[in-house]
Amino acid sequence: MKDFKSYSNERPEKPQGNTDNTASYNNTVELAKVLSKAMNGKSEGQILHTIIAEAERGKREGTLSNADLDNFYNALSPLLDGFKKRKLREVIQKLKSI
């Protein structure tokens, strides 16, 4: 799995004539494609473990900020149900304290 910053930096070029809302939607769609490809075939536990391990590494190395974690949460949370969304929020809060 790539680090968190590489996901936020993989943005398609904005086609001419697009509004900011359309470009934002396209960025979110592209992020979802990248995330789903990276997580294809993995169990929920494996995905969570990978996310936490990469985030901990990024925080310790100083390459992952709390704003990056918030952006990750905001991008992923609409795809989750209530329980999983709360669990992700708990993990994000734990990672912010590192």
PDB file of N, CA and C in Angstrom:
ATOM      1  N   MET A   1       0.839  -1.178   0.000  1.00  0.00           N
ATOM      2  CA  MET A   1       0.000   0.000   0.000  1.00  0.00           C
ATOM      3  C   MET A   1       0.879   1.234   0.000  1.00  0.00           C
ATOM      4  N   LYS A   2       0.475   2.238  -0.730  1.00  0.00           N
ATOM      5  CA  LYS A   2       1.212   3.487  -0.766  1.00  0.00           C
ATOM      6  C   LYS A   2       0.984   4.250   0.523  1.00  0.00           C
ATOM      7  N   ASP A   3       1.775   5.308   0.715  1.00  0.00           N
ATOM      8  CA  ASP A   3       1.533   6.133   1.886  1.00  0.00           C
ATOM      9  C   ASP A   3       0.355   7.080   1.622  1.00  0.00           C
ATOM     10  N   PHE A   4      -0.140   7.706   2.664  1.00  0.00           N
ATOM     11  CA  PHE A   4      -1.330   8.540   2.556  1.00  0.00           C
ATOM     12  C   PHE A   4      -1.124   9.725   1.626  1.00  0.00           C
ATOM     13  N   LYS A   5       0.035  10.362   1.688  1.00  0.00           N
ATOM     14  CA  LYS A   5       0.268  11.538   0.863  1.00  0.00           C
ATOM     15  C   LYS A   5       0.200  11.205  -0.616  1.00  0.00           C
ATOM     16  N   SER A   6       0.652  10.017  -1.008  1.00  0.00           N
ATOM     17  CA  SER A   6       0.616   9.674  -2.428  1.00  0.00           C
ATOM     18  C   SER A   6      -0.820   9.569  -2.923  1.00  0.00           C
ATOM     19  N   TYR A   7      -1.746   9.140  -2.062  1.00  0.00           N
ATOM     20  CA  TYR A   7      -3.146   9.108  -2.473  1.00  0.00           C
ATOM     21  C   TYR A   7      -3.691  10.509  -2.663  1.00  0.00           C
ATOM     22  N   SER A   8      -3.344  11.412  -1.783  1.00  0.00           N
ATOM     23  CA  SER A   8      -3.870  12.767  -1.899  1.00  0.00           C
ATOM     24  C   SER A   8      -3.215  13.522  -3.042  1.00  0.00           C
ATOM     25  N   ASN A   9      -2.026  13.082  -3.474  1.00  0.00           N
ATOM     26  CA  ASN A   9      -1.352  13.760  -4.579  1.00  0.00           C
ATOM     27  C   ASN A   9      -1.725  13.196  -5.938  1.00  0.00           C
ATOM     28  N   GLU A  10      -2.393  12.054  -6.001  1.00  0.00           N
ATOM     29  CA  GLU A  10      -2.804  11.471  -7.266  1.00  0.00           C
ATOM     30  C   GLU A  10      -4.130  12.071  -7.687  1.00  0.00           C
ATOM     31  N   ARG A  11      -4.059  13.180  -8.350  1.00  0.00           N
ATOM     32  CA  ARG A  11      -5.263  13.861  -8.797  1.00  0.00           C
ATOM     33  C   ARG A  11      -5.204  14.011 -10.298  1.00  0.00           C
ATOM     34  N   PRO A  12      -6.299  13.702 -10.976  1.00  0.00           N
ATOM     35  CA  PRO A  12      -6.297  13.868 -12.422  1.00  0.00           C
ATOM     36  C   PRO A  12      -6.250  15.347 -12.776  1.00  0.00           C
ATOM     37  N   GLU A  13      -5.725  15.624 -13.953  1.00  0.00           N
ATOM     38  CA  GLU A  13      -5.704  17.013 -14.397  1.00  0.00           C
ATOM     39  C   GLU A  13      -7.124  17.484 -14.600  1.00  0.00           C
ATOM     40  N   LYS A  14      -7.336  18.753 -14.309  1.00  0.00           N
ATOM     41  CA  LYS A  14      -8.665  19.331 -14.433  1.00  0.00           C
ATOM     42  C   LYS A  14      -8.931  19.647 -15.902  1.00  0.00           C
ATOM     43  N   PRO A  15      -9.912  18.982 -16.528  1.00  0.00           N
ATOM     44  CA  PRO A  15     -10.220  19.279 -17.912  1.00  0.00           C
ATOM     45  C   PRO A  15     -10.739  20.703 -18.052  1.00  0.00           C
ATOM     46  N   GLN A  16     -10.454  21.301 -19.190  1.00  0.00           N
ATOM     47  CA  GLN A  16     -10.917  22.670 -19.403  1.00  0.00           C
ATOM     48  C   GLN A  16     -12.430  22.695 -19.431  1.00  0.00           C
ATOM     49  N   GLY A  17     -12.983  23.767 -18.903  1.00  0.00           N
ATOM     50  CA  GLY A  17     -14.424  23.932 -18.877  1.00  0.00           C
ATOM     51  C   GLY A  17     -15.093  23.334 -17.660  1.00  0.00           C
ATOM     52  N   ASN A  18     -14.359  22.600 -16.857  1.00  0.00           N
ATOM     53  CA  ASN A  18     -14.939  22.022 -15.640  1.00  0.00           C
ATOM     54  C   ASN A  18     -15.020  23.076 -14.552  1.00  0.00           C
ATOM     55  N   THR A  19     -16.068  22.992 -13.747  1.00  0.00           N
ATOM     56  CA  THR A  19     -16.149  23.852 -12.574  1.00  0.00           C
ATOM     57  C   THR A  19     -15.368  23.209 -11.454  1.00  0.00           C
ATOM     58  N   ASP A  20     -15.109  23.944 -10.396  1.00  0.00           N
ATOM     59  CA  ASP A  20     -14.394  23.378  -9.258  1.00  0.00           C
ATOM     60  C   ASP A  20     -15.149  22.208  -8.654  1.00  0.00           C
ATOM     61  N   ASN A  21     -16.486  22.266  -8.642  1.00  0.00           N
ATOM     62  CA  ASN A  21     -17.278  21.166  -8.087  1.00  0.00           C
ATOM     63  C   ASN A  21     -17.096  19.899  -8.904  1.00  0.00           C
ATOM     64  N   THR A  22     -17.063  20.030 -10.219  1.00  0.00           N
ATOM     65  CA  THR A  22     -16.867  18.866 -11.077  1.00  0.00           C
ATOM     66  C   THR A  22     -15.475  18.292 -10.885  1.00  0.00           C
ATOM     67  N   ALA A  23     -14.483  19.162 -10.796  1.00  0.00           N
ATOM     68  CA  ALA A  23     -13.109  18.698 -10.580  1.00  0.00           C
ATOM     69  C   ALA A  23     -12.995  17.999  -9.236  1.00  0.00           C
ATOM     70  N   SER A  24     -13.634  18.542  -8.210  1.00  0.00           N
ATOM     71  CA  SER A  24     -13.613  17.924  -6.886  1.00  0.00           C
ATOM     72  C   SER A  24     -14.265  16.546  -6.926  1.00  0.00           C
ATOM     73  N   TYR A  25     -15.378  16.446  -7.633  1.00  0.00           N
ATOM     74  CA  TYR A  25     -16.054  15.156  -7.788  1.00  0.00           C
ATOM     75  C   TYR A  25     -15.140  14.170  -8.496  1.00  0.00           C
ATOM     76  N   ASN A  26     -14.491  14.604  -9.574  1.00  0.00           N
ATOM     77  CA  ASN A  26     -13.581  13.725 -10.317  1.00  0.00           C
ATOM     78  C   ASN A  26     -12.416  13.277  -9.449  1.00  0.00           C
ATOM     79  N   ASN A  27     -11.878  14.172  -8.621  1.00  0.00           N
ATOM     80  CA  ASN A  27     -10.787  13.809  -7.710  1.00  0.00           C
ATOM     81  C   ASN A  27     -11.241  12.743  -6.725  1.00  0.00           C
ATOM     82  N   THR A  28     -12.440  12.885  -6.213  1.00  0.00           N
ATOM     83  CA  THR A  28     -12.971  11.912  -5.264  1.00  0.00           C
ATOM     84  C   THR A  28     -13.179  10.564  -5.928  1.00  0.00           C
ATOM     85  N   VAL A  29     -13.679  10.580  -7.152  1.00  0.00           N
ATOM     86  CA  VAL A  29     -13.881   9.336  -7.897  1.00  0.00           C
ATOM     87  C   VAL A  29     -12.542   8.654  -8.149  1.00  0.00           C
ATOM     88  N   GLU A  30     -11.545   9.421  -8.541  1.00  0.00           N
ATOM     89  CA  GLU A  30     -10.222   8.850  -8.786  1.00  0.00           C
ATOM     90  C   GLU A  30      -9.616   8.287  -7.500  1.00  0.00           C
ATOM     91  N   LEU A  31      -9.777   8.995  -6.391  1.00  0.00           N
ATOM     92  CA  LEU A  31      -9.282   8.509  -5.105  1.00  0.00           C
ATOM     93  C   LEU A  31      -9.962   7.192  -4.738  1.00  0.00           C
ATOM     94  N   ALA A  32     -11.262   7.118  -4.950  1.00  0.00           N
ATOM     95  CA  ALA A  32     -11.997   5.886  -4.653  1.00  0.00           C
ATOM     96  C   ALA A  32     -11.489   4.728  -5.508  1.00  0.00           C
ATOM     97  N   LYS A  33     -11.189   4.998  -6.773  1.00  0.00           N
ATOM     98  CA  LYS A  33     -10.652   3.956  -7.653  1.00  0.00           C
ATOM     99  C   LYS A  33      -9.302   3.455  -7.154  1.00  0.00           C
ATOM    100  N   VAL A  34      -8.429   4.374  -6.771  1.00  0.00           N
ATOM    101  CA  VAL A  34      -7.097   4.007  -6.285  1.00  0.00           C
ATOM    102  C   VAL A  34      -7.206   3.199  -4.996  1.00  0.00           C
ATOM    103  N   LEU A  35      -8.055   3.661  -4.077  1.00  0.00           N
ATOM    104  CA  LEU A  35      -8.222   2.954  -2.806  1.00  0.00           C
ATOM    105  C   LEU A  35      -8.821   1.570  -3.010  1.00  0.00           C
ATOM    106  N   SER A  36      -9.828   1.471  -3.855  1.00  0.00           N
ATOM    107  CA  SER A  36     -10.451   0.167  -4.056  1.00  0.00           C
ATOM    108  C   SER A  36      -9.482  -0.805  -4.723  1.00  0.00           C
ATOM    109  N   LYS A  37      -8.649  -0.320  -5.630  1.00  0.00           N
ATOM    110  CA  LYS A  37      -7.651  -1.182  -6.268  1.00  0.00           C
ATOM    111  C   LYS A  37      -6.632  -1.675  -5.236  1.00  0.00           C
ATOM    112  N   ALA A  38      -6.185  -0.785  -4.362  1.00  0.00           N
ATOM    113  CA  ALA A  38      -5.198  -1.148  -3.347  1.00  0.00           C
ATOM    114  C   ALA A  38      -5.758  -2.143  -2.345  1.00  0.00           C
ATOM    115  N   MET A  39      -7.062  -2.113  -2.111  1.00  0.00           N
ATOM    116  CA  MET A  39      -7.672  -2.941  -1.074  1.00  0.00           C
ATOM    117  C   MET A  39      -8.390  -4.163  -1.636  1.00  0.00           C
ATOM    118  N   ASN A  40      -8.367  -4.332  -2.934  1.00  0.00           N
ATOM    119  CA  ASN A  40      -9.062  -5.440  -3.582  1.00  0.00           C
ATOM    120  C   ASN A  40      -8.568  -6.786  -3.051  1.00  0.00           C
ATOM    121  N   GLY A  41      -9.500  -7.614  -2.608  1.00  0.00           N
ATOM    122  CA  GLY A  41      -9.173  -8.953  -2.150  1.00  0.00           C
ATOM    123  C   GLY A  41      -8.706  -9.050  -0.706  1.00  0.00           C
ATOM    124  N   LYS A  42      -8.605  -7.924  -0.018  1.00  0.00           N
ATOM    125  CA  LYS A  42      -8.151  -7.947   1.372  1.00  0.00           C
ATOM    126  C   LYS A  42      -9.358  -7.934   2.302  1.00  0.00           C
ATOM    127  N   SER A  43      -9.179  -8.557   3.455  1.00  0.00           N
ATOM    128  CA  SER A  43     -10.252  -8.551   4.449  1.00  0.00           C
ATOM    129  C   SER A  43     -10.292  -7.185   5.135  1.00  0.00           C
ATOM    130  N   GLU A  44     -11.384  -6.948   5.827  1.00  0.00           N
ATOM    131  CA  GLU A  44     -11.533  -5.687   6.556  1.00  0.00           C
ATOM    132  C   GLU A  44     -10.410  -5.507   7.572  1.00  0.00           C
ATOM    133  N   GLY A  45     -10.061  -6.591   8.266  1.00  0.00           N
ATOM    134  CA  GLY A  45      -8.977  -6.537   9.252  1.00  0.00           C
ATOM    135  C   GLY A  45      -7.637  -6.206   8.623  1.00  0.00           C
ATOM    136  N   GLN A  46      -7.355  -6.805   7.450  1.00  0.00           N
ATOM    137  CA  GLN A  46      -6.101  -6.524   6.757  1.00  0.00           C
ATOM    138  C   GLN A  46      -6.047  -5.066   6.309  1.00  0.00           C
ATOM    139  N   ILE A  47      -7.156  -4.566   5.827  1.00  0.00           N
ATOM    140  CA  ILE A  47      -7.215  -3.176   5.367  1.00  0.00           C
ATOM    141  C   ILE A  47      -6.973  -2.234   6.532  1.00  0.00           C
ATOM    142  N   LEU A  48      -7.660  -2.467   7.633  1.00  0.00           N
ATOM    143  CA  LEU A  48      -7.502  -1.613   8.807  1.00  0.00           C
ATOM    144  C   LEU A  48      -6.077  -1.669   9.331  1.00  0.00           C
ATOM    145  N   HIS A  49      -5.509  -2.859   9.407  1.00  0.00           N
ATOM    146  CA  HIS A  49      -4.125  -3.007   9.869  1.00  0.00           C
ATOM    147  C   HIS A  49      -3.166  -2.243   8.956  1.00  0.00           C
ATOM    148  N   THR A  50      -3.354  -2.348   7.642  1.00  0.00           N
ATOM    149  CA  THR A  50      -2.483  -1.658   6.682  1.00  0.00           C
ATOM    150  C   THR A  50      -2.609  -0.148   6.820  1.00  0.00           C
ATOM    151  N   ILE A  51      -3.821   0.347   6.950  1.00  0.00           N
ATOM    152  CA  ILE A  51      -4.045   1.783   7.094  1.00  0.00           C
ATOM    153  C   ILE A  51      -3.356   2.296   8.356  1.00  0.00           C
ATOM    154  N   ILE A  52      -3.549   1.597   9.456  1.00  0.00           N
ATOM    155  CA  ILE A  52      -2.960   2.028  10.727  1.00  0.00           C
ATOM    156  C   ILE A  52      -1.440   1.981  10.665  1.00  0.00           C
ATOM    157  N   ALA A  53      -0.891   0.913  10.116  1.00  0.00           N
ATOM    158  CA  ALA A  53       0.574   0.781  10.033  1.00  0.00           C
ATOM    159  C   ALA A  53       1.181   1.884   9.173  1.00  0.00           C
ATOM    160  N   GLU A  54       0.580   2.161   8.028  1.00  0.00           N
ATOM    161  CA  GLU A  54       1.097   3.212   7.143  1.00  0.00           C
ATOM    162  C   GLU A  54       0.967   4.589   7.794  1.00  0.00           C
ATOM    163  N   ALA A  55      -0.149   4.813   8.450  1.00  0.00           N
ATOM    164  CA  ALA A  55      -0.358   6.106   9.099  1.00  0.00           C
ATOM    165  C   ALA A  55       0.617   6.303  10.254  1.00  0.00           C
ATOM    166  N   GLU A  56       0.823   5.274  11.055  1.00  0.00           N
ATOM    167  CA  GLU A  56       1.784   5.375  12.164  1.00  0.00           C
ATOM    168  C   GLU A  56       3.179   5.675  11.636  1.00  0.00           C
ATOM    169  N   ARG A  57       3.555   4.994  10.570  1.00  0.00           N
ATOM    170  CA  ARG A  57       4.870   5.234   9.965  1.00  0.00           C
ATOM    171  C   ARG A  57       4.973   6.680   9.478  1.00  0.00           C
ATOM    172  N   GLY A  58       3.944   7.147   8.797  1.00  0.00           N
ATOM    173  CA  GLY A  58       3.942   8.517   8.296  1.00  0.00           C
ATOM    174  C   GLY A  58       4.004   9.558   9.403  1.00  0.00           C
ATOM    175  N   LYS A  59       3.261   9.320  10.483  1.00  0.00           N
ATOM    176  CA  LYS A  59       3.285  10.261  11.607  1.00  0.00           C
ATOM    177  C   LYS A  59       4.661  10.295  12.255  1.00  0.00           C
ATOM    178  N   ARG A  60       5.256   9.133  12.459  1.00  0.00           N
ATOM    179  CA  ARG A  60       6.570   9.076  13.092  1.00  0.00           C
ATOM    180  C   ARG A  60       7.652   9.713  12.221  1.00  0.00           C
ATOM    181  N   GLU A  61       7.526   9.563  10.909  1.00  0.00           N
ATOM    182  CA  GLU A  61       8.502  10.148   9.979  1.00  0.00           C
ATOM    183  C   GLU A  61       8.230  11.629   9.712  1.00  0.00           C
ATOM    184  N   GLY A  62       7.085  12.110  10.160  1.00  0.00           N
ATOM    185  CA  GLY A  62       6.739  13.507   9.940  1.00  0.00           C
ATOM    186  C   GLY A  62       6.210  13.799   8.548  1.00  0.00           C
ATOM    187  N   THR A  63       5.826  12.754   7.817  1.00  0.00           N
ATOM    188  CA  THR A  63       5.307  12.955   6.464  1.00  0.00           C
ATOM    189  C   THR A  63       3.789  12.949   6.408  1.00  0.00           C
ATOM    190  N   LEU A  64       3.147  12.727   7.535  1.00  0.00           N
ATOM    191  CA  LEU A  64       1.690  12.688   7.598  1.00  0.00           C
ATOM    192  C   LEU A  64       1.217  13.653   8.674  1.00  0.00           C
ATOM    193  N   SER A  65       0.421  14.613   8.269  1.00  0.00           N
ATOM    194  CA  SER A  65      -0.082  15.618   9.212  1.00  0.00           C
ATOM    195  C   SER A  65      -1.494  15.257   9.660  1.00  0.00           C
ATOM    196  N   ASN A  66      -1.941  15.929  10.695  1.00  0.00           N
ATOM    197  CA  ASN A  66      -3.314  15.747  11.153  1.00  0.00           C
ATOM    198  C   ASN A  66      -4.308  16.180  10.081  1.00  0.00           C
ATOM    199  N   ALA A  67      -3.963  17.195   9.294  1.00  0.00           N
ATOM    200  CA  ALA A  67      -4.829  17.629   8.193  1.00  0.00           C
ATOM    201  C   ALA A  67      -4.948  16.528   7.145  1.00  0.00           C
ATOM    202  N   ASP A  68      -3.844  15.821   6.878  1.00  0.00           N
ATOM    203  CA  ASP A  68      -3.886  14.689   5.947  1.00  0.00           C
ATOM    204  C   ASP A  68      -4.827  13.603   6.465  1.00  0.00           C
ATOM    205  N   LEU A  69      -4.764  13.346   7.754  1.00  0.00           N
ATOM    206  CA  LEU A  69      -5.656  12.349   8.354  1.00  0.00           C
ATOM    207  C   LEU A  69      -7.115  12.781   8.231  1.00  0.00           C
ATOM    208  N   ASP A  70      -7.375  14.062   8.470  1.00  0.00           N
ATOM    209  CA  ASP A  70      -8.744  14.575   8.320  1.00  0.00           C
ATOM    210  C   ASP A  70      -9.220  14.442   6.881  1.00  0.00           C
ATOM    211  N   ASN A  71      -8.346  14.756   5.936  1.00  0.00           N
ATOM    212  CA  ASN A  71      -8.708  14.631   4.520  1.00  0.00           C
ATOM    213  C   ASN A  71      -9.008  13.181   4.158  1.00  0.00           C
ATOM    214  N   PHE A  72      -8.204  12.263   4.682  1.00  0.00           N
ATOM    215  CA  PHE A  72      -8.430  10.845   4.437  1.00  0.00           C
ATOM    216  C   PHE A  72      -9.786  10.427   4.995  1.00  0.00           C
ATOM    217  N   TYR A  73     -10.076  10.842   6.214  1.00  0.00           N
ATOM    218  CA  TYR A  73     -11.362  10.516   6.839  1.00  0.00           C
ATOM    219  C   TYR A  73     -12.517  11.084   6.016  1.00  0.00           C
ATOM    220  N   ASN A  74     -12.402  12.328   5.614  1.00  0.00           N
ATOM    221  CA  ASN A  74     -13.474  12.971   4.855  1.00  0.00           C
ATOM    222  C   ASN A  74     -13.702  12.312   3.497  1.00  0.00           C
ATOM    223  N   ALA A  75     -12.649  11.788   2.896  1.00  0.00           N
ATOM    224  CA  ALA A  75     -12.789  11.119   1.608  1.00  0.00           C
ATOM    225  C   ALA A  75     -13.386   9.720   1.754  1.00  0.00           C
ATOM    226  N   LEU A  76     -13.035   9.023   2.830  1.00  0.00           N
ATOM    227  CA  LEU A  76     -13.444   7.633   2.984  1.00  0.00           C
ATOM    228  C   LEU A  76     -14.761   7.471   3.740  1.00  0.00           C
ATOM    229  N   SER A  77     -15.061   8.346   4.672  1.00  0.00           N
ATOM    230  CA  SER A  77     -16.221   8.155   5.541  1.00  0.00           C
ATOM    231  C   SER A  77     -17.564   8.063   4.811  1.00  0.00           C
ATOM    232  N   PRO A  78     -17.780   8.780   3.708  1.00  0.00           N
ATOM    233  CA  PRO A  78     -19.082   8.617   3.038  1.00  0.00           C
ATOM    234  C   PRO A  78     -19.316   7.208   2.483  1.00  0.00           C
ATOM    235  N   LEU A  79     -18.258   6.431   2.361  1.00  0.00           N
ATOM    236  CA  LEU A  79     -18.383   5.074   1.826  1.00  0.00           C
ATOM    237  C   LEU A  79     -18.686   4.042   2.905  1.00  0.00           C
ATOM    238  N   LEU A  80     -18.708   4.476   4.171  1.00  0.00           N
ATOM    239  CA  LEU A  80     -18.842   3.554   5.297  1.00  0.00           C
ATOM    240  C   LEU A  80     -20.189   3.687   5.986  1.00  0.00           C
ATOM    241  N   ASP A  81     -20.619   2.588   6.642  1.00  0.00           N
ATOM    242  CA  ASP A  81     -21.831   2.660   7.451  1.00  0.00           C
ATOM    243  C   ASP A  81     -21.496   3.297   8.800  1.00  0.00           C
ATOM    244  N   GLY A  82     -22.486   3.492   9.637  1.00  0.00           N
ATOM    245  CA  GLY A  82     -22.318   4.202  10.906  1.00  0.00           C
ATOM    246  C   GLY A  82     -21.259   3.611  11.820  1.00  0.00           C
ATOM    247  N   PHE A  83     -21.268   2.274  12.019  1.00  0.00           N
ATOM    248  CA  PHE A  83     -20.302   1.636  12.909  1.00  0.00           C
ATOM    249  C   PHE A  83     -18.884   1.795  12.377  1.00  0.00           C
ATOM    250  N   LYS A  84     -18.698   1.530  11.097  1.00  0.00           N
ATOM    251  CA  LYS A  84     -17.354   1.618  10.503  1.00  0.00           C
ATOM    252  C   LYS A  84     -16.857   3.057  10.471  1.00  0.00           C
ATOM    253  N   LYS A  85     -17.765   3.979  10.273  1.00  0.00           N
ATOM    254  CA  LYS A  85     -17.393   5.393  10.283  1.00  0.00           C
ATOM    255  C   LYS A  85     -16.905   5.805  11.676  1.00  0.00           C
ATOM    256  N   ARG A  86     -17.606   5.353  12.718  1.00  0.00           N
ATOM    257  CA  ARG A  86     -17.176   5.650  14.093  1.00  0.00           C
ATOM    258  C   ARG A  86     -15.823   5.005  14.388  1.00  0.00           C
ATOM    259  N   LYS A  87     -15.634   3.784  13.932  1.00  0.00           N
ATOM    260  CA  LYS A  87     -14.368   3.088  14.147  1.00  0.00           C
ATOM    261  C   LYS A  87     -13.225   3.827  13.445  1.00  0.00           C
ATOM    262  N   LEU A  88     -13.459   4.265  12.218  1.00  0.00           N
ATOM    263  CA  LEU A  88     -12.436   5.022  11.499  1.00  0.00           C
ATOM    264  C   LEU A  88     -12.130   6.326  12.226  1.00  0.00           C
ATOM    265  N   ARG A  89     -13.139   7.005  12.745  1.00  0.00           N
ATOM    266  CA  ARG A  89     -12.933   8.248  13.491  1.00  0.00           C
ATOM    267  C   ARG A  89     -12.072   7.969  14.724  1.00  0.00           C
ATOM    268  N   GLU A  90     -12.325   6.863  15.424  1.00  0.00           N
ATOM    269  CA  GLU A  90     -11.522   6.498  16.600  1.00  0.00           C
ATOM    270  C   GLU A  90     -10.064   6.266  16.209  1.00  0.00           C
ATOM    271  N   VAL A  91      -9.855   5.570  15.105  1.00  0.00           N
ATOM    272  CA  VAL A  91      -8.487   5.295  14.636  1.00  0.00           C
ATOM    273  C   VAL A  91      -7.797   6.597  14.272  1.00  0.00           C
ATOM    274  N   ILE A  92      -8.502   7.493  13.596  1.00  0.00           N
ATOM    275  CA  ILE A  92      -7.924   8.786  13.209  1.00  0.00           C
ATOM    276  C   ILE A  92      -7.539   9.571  14.450  1.00  0.00           C
ATOM    277  N   GLN A  93      -8.398   9.589  15.458  1.00  0.00           N
ATOM    278  CA  GLN A  93      -8.083  10.310  16.699  1.00  0.00           C
ATOM    279  C   GLN A  93      -6.846   9.726  17.387  1.00  0.00           C
ATOM    280  N   LYS A  94      -6.752   8.388  17.385  1.00  0.00           N
ATOM    281  CA  LYS A  94      -5.579   7.737  17.973  1.00  0.00           C
ATOM    282  C   LYS A  94      -4.309   8.126  17.212  1.00  0.00           C
ATOM    283  N   LEU A  95      -4.390   8.127  15.892  1.00  0.00           N
ATOM    284  CA  LEU A  95      -3.221   8.473  15.071  1.00  0.00           C
ATOM    285  C   LEU A  95      -2.813   9.925  15.252  1.00  0.00           C
ATOM    286  N   LYS A  96      -3.770  10.795  15.467  1.00  0.00           N
ATOM    287  CA  LYS A  96      -3.453  12.213  15.671  1.00  0.00           C
ATOM    288  C   LYS A  96      -2.641  12.417  16.942  1.00  0.00           C
ATOM    289  N   SER A  97      -2.796  11.519  17.904  1.00  0.00           N
ATOM    290  CA  SER A  97      -2.075  11.689  19.178  1.00  0.00           C
ATOM    291  C   SER A  97      -0.625  11.204  19.110  1.00  0.00           C
ATOM    292  N   ILE A  98      -0.233  10.593  18.005  1.00  0.00           N
ATOM    293  CA  ILE A  98       1.152  10.099  17.850  1.00  0.00           C
ATOM    294  C   ILE A  98       2.076  11.272  17.586  1.00  0.00           C
TER     295      ILE A  98
END
